Amino acid sequence: MTTIIETVYGNKPQEQIEFLTIKCPHKVLQLVAYNGDNGYIKLFTYQDFFNFYCLGNNYNSNDITLNEYNDDETFEDFIKKTFFIK
């Protein structure tokens, strides 16, 4: 289950940042979804988002298309494969 904690609109036109909590059995994950209006969403841990957005340092992110992000089932499968199954 994914819950949007907060949505923030950035300094650039169409820039949107969503702070997410994702709950799967026995684990909770907090992520940041960054939409820079290029058709893709960057998913970050909080620390990686801070490195990317605030510090301009090295960061890790996982890109997903906007259509995949907006489709609940596809997004859930992506999260499971990317963050929970290693």
C-alpha atoms as a PDB file:
ATOM      1  CA  MET A   1       0.000   0.000   0.000  1.00  0.00           C
ATOM      2  CA  THR A   2       1.348   3.410  -1.001  1.00  0.00           C
ATOM      3  CA  THR A   3       0.470   6.587   0.879  1.00  0.00           C
ATOM      4  CA  ILE A   4       1.360  10.069  -0.313  1.00  0.00           C
ATOM      5  CA  ILE A   5       2.545  11.953   2.753  1.00  0.00           C
ATOM      6  CA  GLU A   6       3.052  15.325   1.072  1.00  0.00           C
ATOM      7  CA  THR A   7       3.121  16.834  -2.398  1.00  0.00           C
ATOM      8  CA  VAL A   8       5.399  19.813  -2.988  1.00  0.00           C
ATOM      9  CA  TYR A   9       5.582  21.880  -6.146  1.00  0.00           C
ATOM     10  CA  GLY A  10       9.110  22.904  -7.081  1.00  0.00           C
ATOM     11  CA  ASN A  11      10.686  26.078  -8.361  1.00  0.00           C
ATOM     12  CA  LYS A  12      10.506  25.049 -12.011  1.00  0.00           C
ATOM     13  CA  PRO A  13       7.254  24.856 -14.000  1.00  0.00           C
ATOM     14  CA  GLN A  14       5.615  21.413 -13.783  1.00  0.00           C
ATOM     15  CA  GLU A  15       8.103  20.222 -11.135  1.00  0.00           C
ATOM     16  CA  GLN A  16       6.388  18.069  -8.516  1.00  0.00           C
ATOM     17  CA  ILE A  17       7.810  16.145  -5.565  1.00  0.00           C
ATOM     18  CA  GLU A  18       5.850  13.503  -3.655  1.00  0.00           C
ATOM     19  CA  PHE A  19       6.967  12.048  -0.346  1.00  0.00           C
ATOM     20  CA  LEU A  20       5.715   8.454  -0.144  1.00  0.00           C
ATOM     21  CA  THR A  21       5.366   5.749   2.476  1.00  0.00           C
ATOM     22  CA  ILE A  22       5.129   2.238   1.058  1.00  0.00           C
ATOM     23  CA  LYS A  23       4.001  -0.615   3.266  1.00  0.00           C
ATOM     24  CA  CYS A  24       4.533  -4.249   2.399  1.00  0.00           C
ATOM     25  CA  PRO A  25       4.236  -7.128   4.826  1.00  0.00           C
ATOM     26  CA  HIS A  26       6.889  -6.765   7.529  1.00  0.00           C
ATOM     27  CA  LYS A  27       8.534  -3.690   5.978  1.00  0.00           C
ATOM     28  CA  VAL A  28       7.935   0.044   5.541  1.00  0.00           C
ATOM     29  CA  LEU A  29       9.825   2.090   2.960  1.00  0.00           C
ATOM     30  CA  GLN A  30       9.927   5.867   2.598  1.00  0.00           C
ATOM     31  CA  LEU A  31      10.665   7.225  -0.857  1.00  0.00           C
ATOM     32  CA  VAL A  32      10.579  10.483  -2.768  1.00  0.00           C
ATOM     33  CA  ALA A  33       9.066  10.638  -6.267  1.00  0.00           C
ATOM     34  CA  TYR A  34      10.425  13.504  -8.364  1.00  0.00           C
ATOM     35  CA  ASN A  35       8.583  14.573 -11.517  1.00  0.00           C
ATOM     36  CA  GLY A  36      10.640  17.003 -13.584  1.00  0.00           C
ATOM     37  CA  ASP A  37       8.052  16.994 -16.403  1.00  0.00           C
ATOM     38  CA  ASN A  38      10.045  14.840 -18.816  1.00  0.00           C
ATOM     39  CA  GLY A  39       7.696  11.841 -18.795  1.00  0.00           C
ATOM     40  CA  TYR A  40       9.696   9.991 -16.139  1.00  0.00           C
ATOM     41  CA  ILE A  41       9.554   9.851 -12.365  1.00  0.00           C
ATOM     42  CA  LYS A  42      12.758   9.502 -10.371  1.00  0.00           C
ATOM     43  CA  LEU A  43      12.356   7.454  -7.185  1.00  0.00           C
ATOM     44  CA  PHE A  44      14.825   8.173  -4.387  1.00  0.00           C
ATOM     45  CA  THR A  45      15.438   7.321  -0.787  1.00  0.00           C
ATOM     46  CA  TYR A  46      15.216  10.473   1.340  1.00  0.00           C
ATOM     47  CA  GLN A  47      19.016  10.764   1.569  1.00  0.00           C
ATOM     48  CA  ASP A  48      19.523  10.325  -2.169  1.00  0.00           C
ATOM     49  CA  PHE A  49      16.844  12.920  -2.881  1.00  0.00           C
ATOM     50  CA  PHE A  50      18.605  15.392  -0.576  1.00  0.00           C
ATOM     51  CA  ASN A  51      21.883  14.685  -2.375  1.00  0.00           C
ATOM     52  CA  PHE A  52      20.230  15.213  -5.790  1.00  0.00           C
ATOM     53  CA  TYR A  53      17.995  18.207  -5.096  1.00  0.00           C
ATOM     54  CA  CYS A  54      19.786  20.163  -2.381  1.00  0.00           C
ATOM     55  CA  LEU A  55      23.464  19.295  -2.525  1.00  0.00           C
ATOM     56  CA  GLY A  56      24.065  18.350  -6.156  1.00  0.00           C
ATOM     57  CA  ASN A  57      26.069  15.333  -4.928  1.00  0.00           C
ATOM     58  CA  ASN A  58      26.143  11.777  -6.238  1.00  0.00           C
ATOM     59  CA  TYR A  59      22.851   9.950  -5.823  1.00  0.00           C
ATOM     60  CA  ASN A  60      21.025   6.757  -6.722  1.00  0.00           C
ATOM     61  CA  SER A  61      17.583   6.803  -8.286  1.00  0.00           C
ATOM     62  CA  ASN A  62      15.285   4.483 -10.161  1.00  0.00           C
ATOM     63  CA  ASP A  63      13.373   5.858 -13.138  1.00  0.00           C
ATOM     64  CA  ILE A  64       9.843   4.839 -14.005  1.00  0.00           C
ATOM     65  CA  THR A  65       7.569   6.253 -16.701  1.00  0.00           C
ATOM     66  CA  LEU A  66       4.747   8.540 -15.664  1.00  0.00           C
ATOM     67  CA  ASN A  67       2.220   6.004 -16.990  1.00  0.00           C
ATOM     68  CA  GLU A  68       3.764   3.208 -14.899  1.00  0.00           C
ATOM     69  CA  TYR A  69       3.834   5.456 -11.842  1.00  0.00           C
ATOM     70  CA  ASN A  70       0.143   6.305 -12.222  1.00  0.00           C
ATOM     71  CA  ASP A  71      -0.911   2.649 -12.672  1.00  0.00           C
ATOM     72  CA  ASP A  72      -1.275   1.224  -9.154  1.00  0.00           C
ATOM     73  CA  GLU A  73      -0.610  -2.411 -10.031  1.00  0.00           C
ATOM     74  CA  THR A  74       2.392  -1.666 -12.263  1.00  0.00           C
ATOM     75  CA  PHE A  75       3.854   0.711  -9.676  1.00  0.00           C
ATOM     76  CA  GLU A  76       3.439  -1.873  -6.917  1.00  0.00           C
ATOM     77  CA  ASP A  77       5.219  -4.519  -9.028  1.00  0.00           C
ATOM     78  CA  PHE A  78       8.046  -2.064  -9.797  1.00  0.00           C
ATOM     79  CA  ILE A  79       8.502  -1.251  -6.085  1.00  0.00           C
ATOM     80  CA  LYS A  80       8.542  -4.922  -5.094  1.00  0.00           C
ATOM     81  CA  LYS A  81      11.125  -5.833  -7.750  1.00  0.00           C
ATOM     82  CA  THR A  82      13.299  -2.764  -7.201  1.00  0.00           C
ATOM     83  CA  PHE A  83      13.282  -2.279  -3.439  1.00  0.00           C
ATOM     84  CA  PHE A  84      12.066  -5.465  -1.760  1.00  0.00           C
ATOM     85  CA  ILE A  85      13.414  -8.360  -3.840  1.00  0.00           C
ATOM     86  CA  LYS A  86      17.193  -8.291  -3.963  1.00  0.00           C
END
